[in-house]
N, C-alpha and C. Protein backbone atom coordinates (compact mmCIF):
# COMPACT_ATOMS: atom_id res chain seq x y z
N MET A 1 59.29 -77.49 -46.20
CA MET A 1 59.39 -76.91 -45.43
C MET A 1 58.65 -75.26 -45.29
N ALA A 2 58.25 -74.77 -46.21
CA ALA A 2 57.45 -73.97 -45.82
C ALA A 2 56.44 -73.63 -45.81
N VAL A 3 55.98 -74.32 -46.34
CA VAL A 3 54.33 -75.11 -45.17
C VAL A 3 54.42 -74.95 -43.36
N THR A 4 55.83 -75.79 -43.11
CA THR A 4 55.90 -76.34 -41.24
C THR A 4 56.17 -74.60 -40.92
N GLN A 5 56.54 -73.99 -41.62
CA GLN A 5 57.66 -72.81 -40.92
C GLN A 5 56.23 -71.94 -41.35
N ALA A 6 55.14 -71.73 -41.75
CA ALA A 6 54.87 -71.13 -42.25
C ALA A 6 53.62 -71.08 -40.14
N GLN A 7 53.53 -72.95 -40.26
CA GLN A 7 52.40 -73.39 -38.61
C GLN A 7 53.43 -72.28 -37.74
N LEU A 8 54.44 -72.75 -37.47
CA LEU A 8 55.71 -72.53 -36.22
C LEU A 8 55.37 -70.62 -36.38
N ASP A 9 55.65 -70.32 -37.93
CA ASP A 9 55.37 -68.85 -37.38
C ASP A 9 54.09 -68.47 -36.58
N LYS A 10 52.38 -69.32 -36.79
CA LYS A 10 51.97 -68.29 -36.15
C LYS A 10 51.90 -68.82 -34.49
N THR A 11 52.89 -69.53 -33.89
CA THR A 11 52.85 -69.62 -32.98
C THR A 11 53.16 -68.97 -31.74
N VAL A 12 53.60 -67.60 -32.88
CA VAL A 12 54.82 -66.32 -32.43
C VAL A 12 53.49 -65.06 -31.93
N VAL A 13 52.97 -64.92 -31.35
CA VAL A 13 52.17 -63.06 -31.57
C VAL A 13 52.95 -62.35 -31.52
N LYS A 14 52.95 -61.12 -32.47
CA LYS A 14 53.51 -60.02 -32.56
C LYS A 14 52.77 -58.54 -32.48
N ALA A 15 52.71 -58.29 -31.27
CA ALA A 15 52.58 -56.37 -31.43
C ALA A 15 52.34 -55.60 -32.34
N PRO A 16 51.46 -54.73 -33.29
CA PRO A 16 51.66 -54.30 -34.04
C PRO A 16 51.89 -52.65 -34.05
N PHE A 17 51.95 -52.56 -32.20
CA PHE A 17 53.28 -51.15 -32.07
C PHE A 17 53.85 -51.63 -30.53
N SER A 18 54.01 -50.87 -30.19
CA SER A 18 55.34 -50.95 -29.45
C SER A 18 54.13 -50.34 -27.52
N GLY A 19 54.22 -51.17 -26.77
CA GLY A 19 53.34 -50.44 -26.13
C GLY A 19 53.19 -51.42 -24.67
N VAL A 20 53.09 -51.76 -23.55
CA VAL A 20 52.34 -51.49 -22.01
C VAL A 20 51.44 -53.20 -22.40
N LEU A 21 51.50 -53.75 -21.62
CA LEU A 21 50.51 -54.94 -21.58
C LEU A 21 49.94 -55.31 -20.81
N GLY A 22 48.36 -55.41 -20.53
CA GLY A 22 48.21 -55.77 -19.79
C GLY A 22 47.52 -57.30 -19.73
N LEU A 23 46.25 -57.27 -17.74
CA LEU A 23 46.92 -58.89 -16.99
C LEU A 23 46.23 -59.48 -18.34
N ARG A 24 47.27 -60.99 -18.04
CA ARG A 24 46.92 -61.76 -19.13
C ARG A 24 45.64 -62.70 -18.96
N MET A 25 45.23 -63.10 -20.33
CA MET A 25 43.64 -63.68 -20.04
C MET A 25 43.28 -65.21 -20.22
N ILE A 26 44.97 -65.41 -20.41
CA ILE A 26 44.54 -67.03 -20.75
C ILE A 26 45.56 -67.49 -19.33
N SER A 27 45.67 -69.16 -19.54
CA SER A 27 46.62 -70.12 -18.41
C SER A 27 47.93 -70.21 -19.52
N PRO A 28 49.19 -70.52 -18.94
CA PRO A 28 50.16 -71.51 -19.60
C PRO A 28 49.19 -72.63 -19.93
N GLY A 29 49.39 -73.34 -21.26
CA GLY A 29 49.43 -74.72 -22.08
C GLY A 29 47.48 -74.86 -22.95
N ALA A 30 46.36 -73.91 -22.05
CA ALA A 30 45.73 -72.69 -22.99
C ALA A 30 45.71 -73.16 -24.18
N TYR A 31 44.64 -73.08 -25.30
CA TYR A 31 44.57 -73.66 -26.64
C TYR A 31 44.22 -72.57 -27.16
N VAL A 32 44.40 -71.70 -27.24
CA VAL A 32 44.25 -70.37 -28.24
C VAL A 32 44.09 -70.62 -29.68
N SER A 33 43.38 -69.46 -29.83
CA SER A 33 42.53 -69.50 -31.63
C SER A 33 42.59 -67.53 -31.78
N PRO A 34 42.47 -67.78 -33.20
CA PRO A 34 42.58 -66.01 -33.92
C PRO A 34 41.65 -65.89 -32.96
N THR A 35 40.95 -65.41 -32.65
CA THR A 35 39.16 -64.73 -31.72
C THR A 35 39.73 -65.09 -29.97
N THR A 36 40.60 -65.52 -29.45
CA THR A 36 40.82 -65.92 -28.08
C THR A 36 41.75 -64.32 -27.72
N ALA A 37 40.82 -63.63 -26.78
CA ALA A 37 41.83 -61.96 -26.32
C ALA A 37 43.17 -63.11 -25.19
N ILE A 38 44.06 -62.77 -25.39
CA ILE A 38 44.89 -63.38 -24.62
C ILE A 38 45.30 -62.23 -23.46
N SER A 39 45.27 -61.12 -23.64
CA SER A 39 45.61 -60.11 -23.31
C SER A 39 45.47 -57.96 -23.83
N THR A 40 45.63 -57.13 -23.07
CA THR A 40 45.69 -55.52 -23.60
C THR A 40 46.98 -55.21 -23.50
N LEU A 41 47.10 -54.49 -24.49
CA LEU A 41 47.99 -53.33 -25.16
C LEU A 41 48.00 -52.18 -25.32
N GLN A 42 48.55 -51.41 -24.78
CA GLN A 42 48.40 -49.76 -24.08
C GLN A 42 49.30 -49.01 -25.00
N GLN A 43 49.02 -48.77 -25.67
CA GLN A 43 50.52 -47.17 -25.72
C GLN A 43 49.92 -45.91 -25.51
N VAL A 44 50.81 -46.00 -23.92
CA VAL A 44 51.02 -44.58 -22.88
C VAL A 44 51.71 -43.23 -23.89
N ASP A 45 52.59 -43.97 -24.80
CA ASP A 45 53.51 -42.89 -25.09
C ASP A 45 52.57 -41.28 -25.70
N LYS A 46 51.92 -42.26 -26.72
CA LYS A 46 51.04 -41.37 -27.40
C LYS A 46 49.67 -41.63 -27.28
N VAL A 47 49.08 -41.28 -26.64
CA VAL A 47 47.64 -40.99 -26.42
C VAL A 47 46.54 -40.07 -26.57
N LYS A 48 45.45 -40.56 -27.10
CA LYS A 48 44.66 -40.09 -28.10
C LYS A 48 43.36 -39.16 -27.07
N ILE A 49 43.17 -38.31 -27.21
CA ILE A 49 42.23 -37.52 -26.52
C ILE A 49 41.11 -37.29 -27.59
N ASP A 50 39.82 -37.74 -27.18
CA ASP A 50 38.40 -37.47 -27.90
C ASP A 50 37.63 -36.44 -26.75
N PHE A 51 37.37 -34.59 -27.36
CA PHE A 51 36.11 -33.80 -27.02
C PHE A 51 35.38 -33.82 -26.95
N ASN A 52 34.64 -33.12 -26.72
CA ASN A 52 33.32 -32.59 -27.38
C ASN A 52 33.47 -30.31 -27.44
N VAL A 53 33.31 -29.96 -28.97
CA VAL A 53 32.98 -28.12 -28.24
C VAL A 53 31.91 -28.10 -28.84
N PRO A 54 31.69 -26.89 -27.72
CA PRO A 54 30.55 -26.18 -28.48
C PRO A 54 30.78 -25.76 -30.20
N GLU A 55 29.18 -25.16 -30.70
CA GLU A 55 30.11 -24.91 -31.82
C GLU A 55 29.78 -23.35 -31.78
N LEU A 56 29.50 -22.25 -30.76
CA LEU A 56 30.35 -21.20 -30.53
C LEU A 56 32.11 -21.32 -30.39
N TYR A 57 32.70 -22.16 -30.09
CA TYR A 57 34.10 -22.06 -29.95
C TYR A 57 34.69 -22.87 -31.44
N THR A 58 33.99 -23.64 -32.04
CA THR A 58 35.30 -24.24 -33.14
C THR A 58 36.04 -23.08 -34.47
N GLU A 59 35.48 -21.84 -34.00
CA GLU A 59 36.57 -21.08 -34.57
C GLU A 59 38.06 -20.43 -33.67
N LEU A 60 38.56 -22.04 -32.69
CA LEU A 60 38.79 -22.12 -32.01
C LEU A 60 40.03 -23.02 -31.91
N ILE A 61 39.47 -24.14 -33.13
CA ILE A 61 40.12 -25.45 -33.65
C ILE A 61 40.52 -25.51 -35.32
N LYS A 62 41.44 -26.08 -34.87
CA LYS A 62 42.13 -25.46 -36.40
C LYS A 62 43.13 -27.23 -36.32
N LYS A 63 43.10 -27.85 -37.34
CA LYS A 63 44.31 -29.02 -37.08
C LYS A 63 45.38 -28.64 -37.14
N GLY A 64 46.06 -28.77 -36.20
CA GLY A 64 47.51 -28.80 -35.85
C GLY A 64 47.82 -27.29 -34.86
N ALA A 65 46.51 -27.17 -34.41
CA ALA A 65 46.74 -25.89 -32.73
C ALA A 65 47.12 -26.85 -31.81
N THR A 66 47.28 -26.73 -30.80
CA THR A 66 47.78 -27.24 -29.72
C THR A 66 46.36 -26.19 -28.62
N VAL A 67 45.82 -27.59 -27.39
CA VAL A 67 45.07 -26.92 -26.93
C VAL A 67 45.96 -27.84 -25.39
N THR A 68 45.17 -27.28 -24.19
CA THR A 68 46.00 -27.60 -22.41
C THR A 68 45.27 -28.29 -21.89
N ILE A 69 45.67 -29.46 -21.76
CA ILE A 69 45.38 -30.94 -21.41
C ILE A 69 45.17 -30.64 -19.34
N GLN A 70 44.79 -30.68 -18.80
CA GLN A 70 44.55 -31.34 -17.86
C GLN A 70 43.99 -32.53 -16.93
N THR A 71 44.84 -33.42 -15.87
CA THR A 71 44.04 -34.47 -15.81
C THR A 71 43.34 -34.21 -14.09
N ASN A 72 43.87 -33.54 -13.43
CA ASN A 72 42.96 -32.87 -12.42
C ASN A 72 43.27 -31.18 -11.47
N GLY A 73 42.55 -30.71 -10.96
CA GLY A 73 42.82 -30.23 -10.62
C GLY A 73 44.55 -29.67 -9.83
N ASN A 74 45.00 -30.24 -9.21
CA ASN A 74 46.57 -29.98 -8.90
C ASN A 74 48.03 -30.31 -9.47
N SER A 75 47.00 -30.92 -10.81
CA SER A 75 47.98 -31.88 -12.33
C SER A 75 49.09 -30.60 -13.21
N PRO A 76 49.88 -30.63 -13.35
CA PRO A 76 51.05 -29.80 -14.34
C PRO A 76 49.97 -29.46 -15.68
N LYS A 77 49.52 -28.33 -15.89
CA LYS A 77 49.12 -28.17 -17.73
C LYS A 77 49.96 -28.61 -18.60
N ARG A 78 49.60 -29.44 -19.70
CA ARG A 78 49.97 -29.84 -20.63
C ARG A 78 49.55 -30.04 -22.31
N LYS A 79 50.36 -30.28 -23.14
CA LYS A 79 50.18 -29.57 -24.29
C LYS A 79 49.56 -30.72 -25.59
N ALA A 80 48.25 -30.27 -26.26
CA ALA A 80 48.40 -31.80 -26.84
C ALA A 80 47.45 -31.02 -28.36
N THR A 81 48.26 -32.09 -29.35
CA THR A 81 47.72 -31.42 -31.05
C THR A 81 46.37 -31.71 -31.27
N ILE A 82 45.92 -30.70 -31.92
CA ILE A 82 44.79 -31.53 -32.77
C ILE A 82 44.90 -31.78 -33.86
N VAL A 83 44.36 -33.30 -34.44
CA VAL A 83 45.05 -33.75 -35.30
C VAL A 83 43.60 -33.68 -36.59
N ALA A 84 42.16 -33.82 -35.41
CA ALA A 84 41.20 -34.27 -36.95
C ALA A 84 40.17 -33.49 -36.27
N THR A 85 39.02 -33.67 -36.76
CA THR A 85 37.74 -33.36 -36.31
C THR A 85 36.79 -33.59 -37.33
N ASP A 86 35.23 -33.85 -36.32
CA ASP A 86 34.77 -34.42 -37.29
C ASP A 86 34.12 -33.53 -38.68
N PRO A 87 33.58 -33.46 -39.69
CA PRO A 87 33.74 -32.68 -40.79
C PRO A 87 32.37 -32.03 -40.63
N GLN A 88 31.25 -32.78 -39.09
CA GLN A 88 30.17 -31.81 -39.66
C GLN A 88 30.19 -31.69 -38.02
N ILE A 89 29.03 -30.65 -37.77
CA ILE A 89 28.36 -30.38 -36.02
C ILE A 89 27.97 -31.02 -35.11
N ASN A 90 27.25 -31.43 -34.73
CA ASN A 90 26.83 -32.64 -33.99
C ASN A 90 25.05 -32.22 -34.31
N ALA A 91 23.66 -32.13 -35.08
CA ALA A 91 22.54 -31.85 -34.94
C ALA A 91 21.85 -31.91 -34.42
N THR A 92 22.31 -32.14 -33.15
CA THR A 92 21.16 -32.47 -31.30
C THR A 92 21.95 -31.91 -30.23
N THR A 93 23.52 -32.42 -30.29
CA THR A 93 23.76 -31.15 -29.03
C THR A 93 24.66 -29.82 -29.45
N ARG A 94 24.56 -29.83 -30.66
CA ARG A 94 25.29 -28.86 -31.65
C ARG A 94 27.03 -28.69 -30.84
N ASN A 95 27.64 -29.33 -30.88
CA ASN A 95 28.66 -29.73 -30.51
C ASN A 95 29.56 -30.71 -31.64
N LEU A 96 31.13 -29.67 -32.00
CA LEU A 96 31.97 -30.77 -32.26
C LEU A 96 32.39 -31.54 -31.89
N ARG A 97 33.37 -32.71 -32.02
CA ARG A 97 33.55 -33.89 -31.80
C ARG A 97 35.33 -33.31 -32.43
N VAL A 98 36.38 -33.28 -31.55
CA VAL A 98 37.38 -32.88 -31.94
C VAL A 98 38.59 -34.19 -31.12
N ARG A 99 39.87 -34.21 -32.09
CA ARG A 99 40.47 -35.14 -31.28
C ARG A 99 42.02 -34.81 -31.57
N ALA A 100 42.91 -34.89 -29.91
CA ALA A 100 43.60 -34.58 -30.04
C ALA A 100 45.15 -35.23 -29.44
N VAL A 101 46.28 -35.46 -29.65
CA VAL A 101 47.65 -36.36 -29.19
C VAL A 101 48.05 -35.66 -28.09
N PHE A 102 48.18 -36.33 -26.85
CA PHE A 102 49.51 -36.10 -26.47
C PHE A 102 50.65 -36.87 -26.96
N GLU A 103 51.79 -36.29 -27.17
CA GLU A 103 52.94 -37.26 -26.64
C GLU A 103 53.99 -36.13 -25.55
N GLY A 104 54.91 -36.99 -25.79
CA GLY A 104 55.79 -36.59 -24.90
C GLY A 104 55.91 -36.99 -22.81
N GLY A 105 54.38 -37.97 -23.25
CA GLY A 105 54.72 -37.66 -21.71
C GLY A 105 53.61 -39.52 -21.59
N ILE A 106 53.29 -39.27 -20.03
CA ILE A 106 52.40 -40.25 -20.03
C ILE A 106 51.11 -40.45 -19.23
N ILE A 107 49.80 -40.96 -20.40
CA ILE A 107 48.42 -40.03 -18.92
C ILE A 107 48.10 -41.84 -19.30
N GLU A 108 47.73 -42.82 -18.72
CA GLU A 108 47.16 -43.88 -18.17
C GLU A 108 45.27 -43.49 -19.58
N PRO A 109 45.51 -44.62 -20.73
CA PRO A 109 44.31 -44.54 -21.25
C PRO A 109 43.36 -44.97 -20.48
N GLY A 110 41.99 -43.87 -20.45
CA GLY A 110 40.70 -43.98 -20.37
C GLY A 110 40.90 -42.74 -18.78
N THR A 111 42.38 -42.12 -18.41
CA THR A 111 41.88 -40.80 -17.85
C THR A 111 41.07 -40.04 -18.00
N PHE A 112 39.45 -38.88 -17.79
CA PHE A 112 39.24 -38.08 -17.64
C PHE A 112 40.29 -36.70 -17.69
N VAL A 113 40.12 -35.98 -18.87
CA VAL A 113 41.50 -35.15 -18.20
C VAL A 113 39.98 -33.74 -18.70
N LYS A 114 40.96 -32.33 -18.48
CA LYS A 114 39.88 -31.70 -18.70
C LYS A 114 40.92 -30.49 -19.15
N VAL A 115 40.00 -30.29 -20.89
CA VAL A 115 40.83 -29.48 -22.11
C VAL A 115 39.88 -28.37 -22.07
N LEU A 116 41.52 -27.42 -21.56
CA LEU A 116 41.28 -25.80 -22.52
C LEU A 116 42.05 -25.45 -23.14
N LEU A 117 40.57 -24.29 -24.52
CA LEU A 117 41.48 -23.60 -25.34
C LEU A 117 41.74 -22.63 -25.22
N ASP A 118 42.94 -22.28 -26.35
CA ASP A 118 43.45 -21.32 -25.80
C ASP A 118 43.89 -20.46 -26.83
N GLU A 119 42.81 -19.14 -26.47
CA GLU A 119 42.18 -17.96 -27.24
C GLU A 119 43.56 -16.85 -27.89
N LYS A 120 44.07 -16.86 -28.90
CA LYS A 120 45.20 -15.74 -28.79
C LYS A 120 45.07 -14.62 -29.45
N SER A 121 43.63 -14.35 -29.94
CA SER A 121 43.26 -13.15 -30.86
C SER A 121 43.93 -12.29 -30.01
N GLY A 122 44.25 -11.80 -28.72
CA GLY A 122 44.71 -10.45 -28.81
C GLY A 122 43.95 -9.51 -28.18
N ARG A 123 42.43 -9.37 -27.76
CA ARG A 123 41.59 -8.92 -27.65
C ARG A 123 41.21 -9.46 -26.04
N ASN A 124 40.52 -7.55 -25.90
CA ASN A 124 40.94 -7.99 -23.95
C ASN A 124 39.12 -8.03 -24.18
N THR A 125 38.92 -8.88 -23.42
CA THR A 125 37.61 -9.74 -22.81
C THR A 125 37.36 -9.05 -21.22
N ILE A 126 35.38 -8.60 -21.68
CA ILE A 126 35.50 -8.87 -20.34
C ILE A 126 34.47 -9.68 -19.96
N LEU A 127 34.96 -9.65 -18.47
CA LEU A 127 33.67 -11.27 -18.18
C LEU A 127 33.12 -10.43 -17.08
N VAL A 128 31.78 -11.19 -16.66
CA VAL A 128 30.53 -10.73 -15.41
C VAL A 128 29.95 -12.16 -15.34
N PRO A 129 29.80 -12.13 -14.17
CA PRO A 129 29.24 -13.63 -13.51
C PRO A 129 27.90 -13.67 -15.15
N THR A 130 26.77 -14.69 -14.38
CA THR A 130 25.71 -14.91 -15.58
C THR A 130 24.85 -14.68 -14.47
N ASN A 131 24.83 -14.25 -13.80
CA ASN A 131 23.36 -14.03 -12.93
C ASN A 131 23.31 -12.85 -12.65
N THR A 132 23.98 -11.94 -13.56
CA THR A 132 24.54 -10.08 -13.51
C THR A 132 23.06 -10.42 -15.17
N ILE A 133 22.88 -10.82 -15.76
CA ILE A 133 22.66 -11.15 -17.65
C ILE A 133 20.86 -10.98 -16.73
N ILE A 134 19.64 -9.85 -17.26
CA ILE A 134 19.27 -9.85 -17.55
C ILE A 134 18.06 -9.61 -18.35
N PRO A 135 17.62 -11.04 -18.96
CA PRO A 135 17.45 -11.49 -20.61
C PRO A 135 15.43 -10.19 -20.81
N ASP A 136 16.09 -9.70 -21.55
CA ASP A 136 14.97 -8.92 -22.22
C ASP A 136 14.27 -9.26 -22.92
N ALA A 137 13.22 -8.95 -23.76
CA ALA A 137 11.65 -9.04 -25.10
C ALA A 137 13.28 -9.57 -26.03
N THR A 138 13.98 -8.29 -26.57
CA THR A 138 14.75 -7.51 -27.08
C THR A 138 15.90 -7.90 -27.18
N ALA A 139 16.47 -7.37 -25.85
CA ALA A 139 17.87 -7.52 -25.55
C ALA A 139 18.23 -8.01 -24.19
N LYS A 140 19.52 -7.74 -24.36
CA LYS A 140 20.55 -8.62 -22.62
C LYS A 140 20.75 -7.10 -22.39
N LYS A 141 20.12 -6.88 -20.87
CA LYS A 141 21.30 -5.81 -20.33
C LYS A 141 21.55 -6.38 -18.99
N LEU A 142 22.42 -5.39 -18.66
CA LEU A 142 23.34 -4.73 -17.15
C LEU A 142 22.59 -4.34 -16.48
N ILE A 143 23.03 -4.28 -14.89
CA ILE A 143 22.63 -2.80 -14.43
C ILE A 143 23.59 -2.40 -13.59
N ILE A 144 23.96 -1.38 -13.95
CA ILE A 144 25.46 -0.71 -13.24
C ILE A 144 25.79 0.30 -12.59
N VAL A 145 26.43 0.66 -11.78
CA VAL A 145 25.98 1.70 -10.78
C VAL A 145 26.70 3.14 -11.39
N LYS A 146 26.56 4.18 -11.12
CA LYS A 146 26.78 5.28 -12.30
C LYS A 146 26.41 6.70 -11.10
N ASP A 147 27.00 7.17 -10.50
CA ASP A 147 26.96 8.63 -9.30
C ASP A 147 25.91 8.09 -8.38
N GLY A 148 26.33 6.81 -7.20
CA GLY A 148 25.85 6.27 -7.08
C GLY A 148 23.99 5.70 -7.23
N LYS A 149 23.79 5.75 -8.61
CA LYS A 149 22.47 5.12 -9.06
C LYS A 149 22.78 3.95 -9.76
N GLY A 150 21.40 3.30 -9.65
CA GLY A 150 20.99 2.37 -10.78
C GLY A 150 20.78 2.82 -12.27
N ALA A 151 21.54 2.05 -13.13
CA ALA A 151 21.13 2.54 -15.04
C ALA A 151 21.54 1.30 -15.83
N MET A 152 20.44 1.05 -16.22
CA MET A 152 20.18 -0.17 -17.61
C MET A 152 20.16 -0.25 -18.67
N VAL A 153 21.66 -0.96 -19.08
CA VAL A 153 22.51 -0.96 -20.51
C VAL A 153 22.50 -1.79 -20.47
N SER A 154 22.26 -2.12 -22.35
CA SER A 154 22.12 -2.96 -22.64
C SER A 154 23.55 -3.37 -23.16
N VAL A 155 23.12 -4.96 -23.74
CA VAL A 155 24.28 -5.25 -23.65
C VAL A 155 24.98 -6.39 -24.70
N LYS A 156 25.57 -6.53 -25.67
CA LYS A 156 25.93 -8.14 -26.18
C LYS A 156 26.53 -8.58 -25.40
N THR A 157 26.30 -10.44 -25.61
CA THR A 157 26.93 -11.32 -24.97
C THR A 157 27.84 -11.62 -26.26
N GLY A 158 28.89 -12.52 -26.07
CA GLY A 158 30.18 -13.35 -27.08
C GLY A 158 30.02 -14.78 -26.02
N TYR A 159 31.18 -15.13 -25.93
CA TYR A 159 31.84 -16.79 -25.26
C TYR A 159 30.89 -16.89 -23.62
N ARG A 160 30.56 -17.86 -23.90
CA ARG A 160 30.50 -17.93 -22.52
C ARG A 160 31.15 -19.47 -21.48
N GLY A 161 31.71 -18.96 -20.37
CA GLY A 161 32.23 -20.09 -19.47
C GLY A 161 31.16 -20.25 -18.05
N ALA A 162 32.40 -20.82 -17.46
CA ALA A 162 31.58 -21.89 -16.17
C ALA A 162 31.39 -20.80 -14.98
N GLY A 163 30.04 -20.12 -15.62
CA GLY A 163 29.86 -19.19 -14.58
C GLY A 163 29.86 -17.25 -14.71
N THR A 164 30.44 -17.88 -15.77
CA THR A 164 30.98 -16.27 -16.45
C THR A 164 30.78 -16.47 -18.18
N VAL A 165 30.15 -15.32 -18.89
CA VAL A 165 29.66 -14.40 -19.69
C VAL A 165 30.01 -13.56 -20.37
N GLU A 166 30.97 -13.36 -21.50
CA GLU A 166 31.36 -12.36 -22.17
C GLU A 166 31.04 -11.01 -22.79
N ILE A 167 31.27 -10.08 -22.45
CA ILE A 167 30.44 -8.69 -22.94
C ILE A 167 31.25 -8.36 -23.97
N THR A 168 30.77 -8.48 -25.29
CA THR A 168 30.75 -7.89 -26.52
C THR A 168 31.47 -6.82 -25.88
N LYS A 169 29.68 -5.48 -26.29
CA LYS A 169 29.27 -4.53 -26.31
C LYS A 169 28.70 -3.82 -25.11
N GLY A 170 28.80 -2.13 -24.48
CA GLY A 170 27.75 -1.97 -24.26
C GLY A 170 28.20 -0.78 -22.58
N ILE A 171 29.43 -1.88 -22.01
CA ILE A 171 29.65 -1.64 -21.03
C ILE A 171 31.58 -1.72 -21.12
N LYS A 172 32.07 -1.05 -20.24
CA LYS A 172 33.94 -0.71 -20.23
C LYS A 172 34.46 -0.97 -18.98
N PRO A 173 35.67 -1.36 -18.97
CA PRO A 173 36.68 -1.38 -17.62
C PRO A 173 36.48 -0.35 -16.59
N GLY A 174 35.71 -1.05 -15.58
CA GLY A 174 35.47 0.03 -14.55
C GLY A 174 35.09 0.15 -14.69
N ASP A 175 33.92 0.28 -15.02
CA ASP A 175 32.30 -0.54 -15.25
C ASP A 175 31.37 -0.86 -14.00
N SER A 176 31.46 -0.43 -12.28
CA SER A 176 30.30 -1.00 -11.97
C SER A 176 29.47 -1.96 -11.57
N ILE A 177 29.21 -3.10 -11.23
CA ILE A 177 28.04 -4.30 -11.65
C ILE A 177 27.65 -4.71 -10.64
N VAL A 178 26.08 -3.59 -10.66
CA VAL A 178 24.99 -4.63 -9.13
C VAL A 178 25.36 -6.31 -9.51
N VAL A 179 25.53 -7.34 -8.80
CA VAL A 179 25.43 -8.70 -8.24
C VAL A 179 25.07 -9.34 -7.73
N THR A 180 24.57 -8.78 -6.74
CA THR A 180 23.04 -9.31 -5.60
C THR A 180 22.15 -8.12 -5.92
N GLY A 181 20.36 -9.00 -5.13
CA GLY A 181 20.16 -7.95 -5.14
C GLY A 181 19.32 -7.34 -6.84
N VAL A 182 19.28 -7.08 -8.15
CA VAL A 182 19.83 -7.54 -9.19
C VAL A 182 17.87 -6.89 -9.45
N LEU A 183 16.83 -7.91 -9.05
CA LEU A 183 15.50 -7.09 -9.19
C LEU A 183 15.36 -5.57 -8.52
N PHE A 184 15.82 -6.35 -7.25
CA PHE A 184 15.00 -4.46 -6.93
C PHE A 184 16.04 -3.53 -7.18
N VAL A 185 16.24 -2.79 -7.99
CA VAL A 185 17.37 -2.26 -8.20
C VAL A 185 16.40 -1.32 -9.39
N ARG A 186 15.86 -0.36 -9.12
CA ARG A 186 15.07 0.60 -10.08
C ARG A 186 15.83 1.53 -11.09
N PRO A 187 15.53 2.02 -12.58
CA PRO A 187 16.76 2.63 -13.13
C PRO A 187 16.54 3.77 -12.33
N ASN A 188 17.23 4.99 -12.49
CA ASN A 188 17.95 6.09 -11.64
C ASN A 188 17.11 6.03 -10.35
N GLN A 189 17.47 4.94 -9.14
CA GLN A 189 17.19 5.01 -8.40
C GLN A 189 18.87 4.92 -7.60
N PRO A 190 18.23 5.47 -6.44
CA PRO A 190 19.91 5.38 -5.70
C PRO A 190 19.71 3.87 -5.34
N VAL A 191 21.39 3.55 -4.89
CA VAL A 191 22.01 2.55 -5.00
C VAL A 191 23.08 2.31 -3.74
N LYS A 192 22.67 1.68 -2.36
CA LYS A 192 23.86 1.30 -2.17
C LYS A 192 24.15 -0.37 -2.08
N VAL A 193 25.28 0.32 -1.68
CA VAL A 193 26.78 -0.14 -2.33
C VAL A 193 26.91 -0.82 -1.08
N ARG A 194 26.59 -2.60 -0.92
CA ARG A 194 27.34 -2.74 0.54
C ARG A 194 28.80 -3.64 0.67
N SER A 195 29.50 -4.14 -0.42
CA SER A 195 30.59 -4.47 -1.00
C SER A 195 30.88 -4.98 -2.33
N VAL A 196 32.44 -3.96 -2.72
CA VAL A 196 33.23 -4.10 -3.94
C VAL A 196 33.68 -5.63 -4.38
N LYS A 197 32.87 -6.43 -4.91
CA LYS A 197 34.02 -7.67 -4.74
C LYS A 197 34.63 -7.82 -6.49
N LYS A 198 35.74 -8.34 -6.71
CA LYS A 198 35.98 -8.69 -8.05
C LYS A 198 35.94 -10.13 -8.18
N LEU A 199 36.21 -9.45 -10.46
CA LEU A 199 35.68 -11.46 -10.59
C LEU A 199 36.05 -12.25 -9.91
N SER A 200 37.43 -12.26 -10.64
CA SER A 200 38.31 -13.22 -9.85
C SER A 200 37.45 -14.33 -7.89
N ASP A 201 37.41 -13.00 -7.09
CA ASP A 201 36.93 -13.89 -6.26
C ASP A 201 35.76 -14.90 -5.57
N LEU A 202 34.72 -13.48 -7.16
CA LEU A 202 33.35 -14.07 -7.32
C LEU A 202 33.34 -15.66 -8.05
N ILE A 203 33.95 -16.14 -8.88
CA ILE A 203 34.20 -17.12 -9.45
C ILE A 203 35.10 -18.30 -8.40
N LYS A 204 35.90 -17.83 -7.42
CA LYS A 204 36.44 -18.75 -6.80
C LYS A 204 35.24 -19.53 -5.58
N GLN A 205 34.26 -18.15 -5.04
CA GLN A 205 33.30 -18.79 -4.40
C GLN A 205 32.75 -20.03 -4.95
N GLN A 206 32.47 -19.22 -6.42
CA GLN A 206 31.72 -20.56 -6.75
C GLN A 206 31.99 -21.57 -7.41
N GLN A 207 33.11 -21.76 -7.32
CA GLN A 207 34.25 -23.13 -7.10
C GLN A 207 33.77 -23.77 -5.96
N GLN A 208 33.90 -22.76 -5.18
CA GLN A 208 33.87 -23.89 -3.86
C GLN A 208 33.19 -23.93 -3.48
N GLU A 209 31.52 -23.39 -3.54
CA GLU A 209 30.49 -23.96 -3.25
C GLU A 209 29.97 -25.32 -4.61
N GLN A 210 30.37 -25.62 -5.67
CA GLN A 210 30.61 -26.43 -6.01
C GLN A 210 31.38 -27.52 -6.03
């Protein structure tokens, strides 16, 4: 009786976790074996999100910390919790592989998401467009407008974003930076300002062009 009951138990397929079944891959009456794929099972209420973080931002990655995710430009921003990371940075790409888990909502497995890191250090950050940076043999420089003349200052850069770079030293809030015509400006020479734009306006313009 025990052998017969064991054989009967094998006729029932039990899922190891709850989820949503996909399309059926067999027909009724077909003979199945342990290697036969019957269907797919997806756990949609607890989705793992794998993403890569550049080496420069690894200090923001800690187990238990939260990141902001967004499936597309119009979707609401949601929180996911970091559960694990690779023990080392990839020697080729200089990226760290991170895994986060999104709970409390439904995201279809396989969906691409945008991951936003939360900087909570409380520091004030100065961002400038990347095309304003003039690389030099020994330093990086910016051209600012002071008293109607162009002045070249050495700066130190920090985090880089999409079209922007952080300036940690060299300029202060309120300085006017030359964005276009950088190569035509000479130190201590008069500069004619055609228009003044905010960084937020330049970022929106770059996003529209892309």
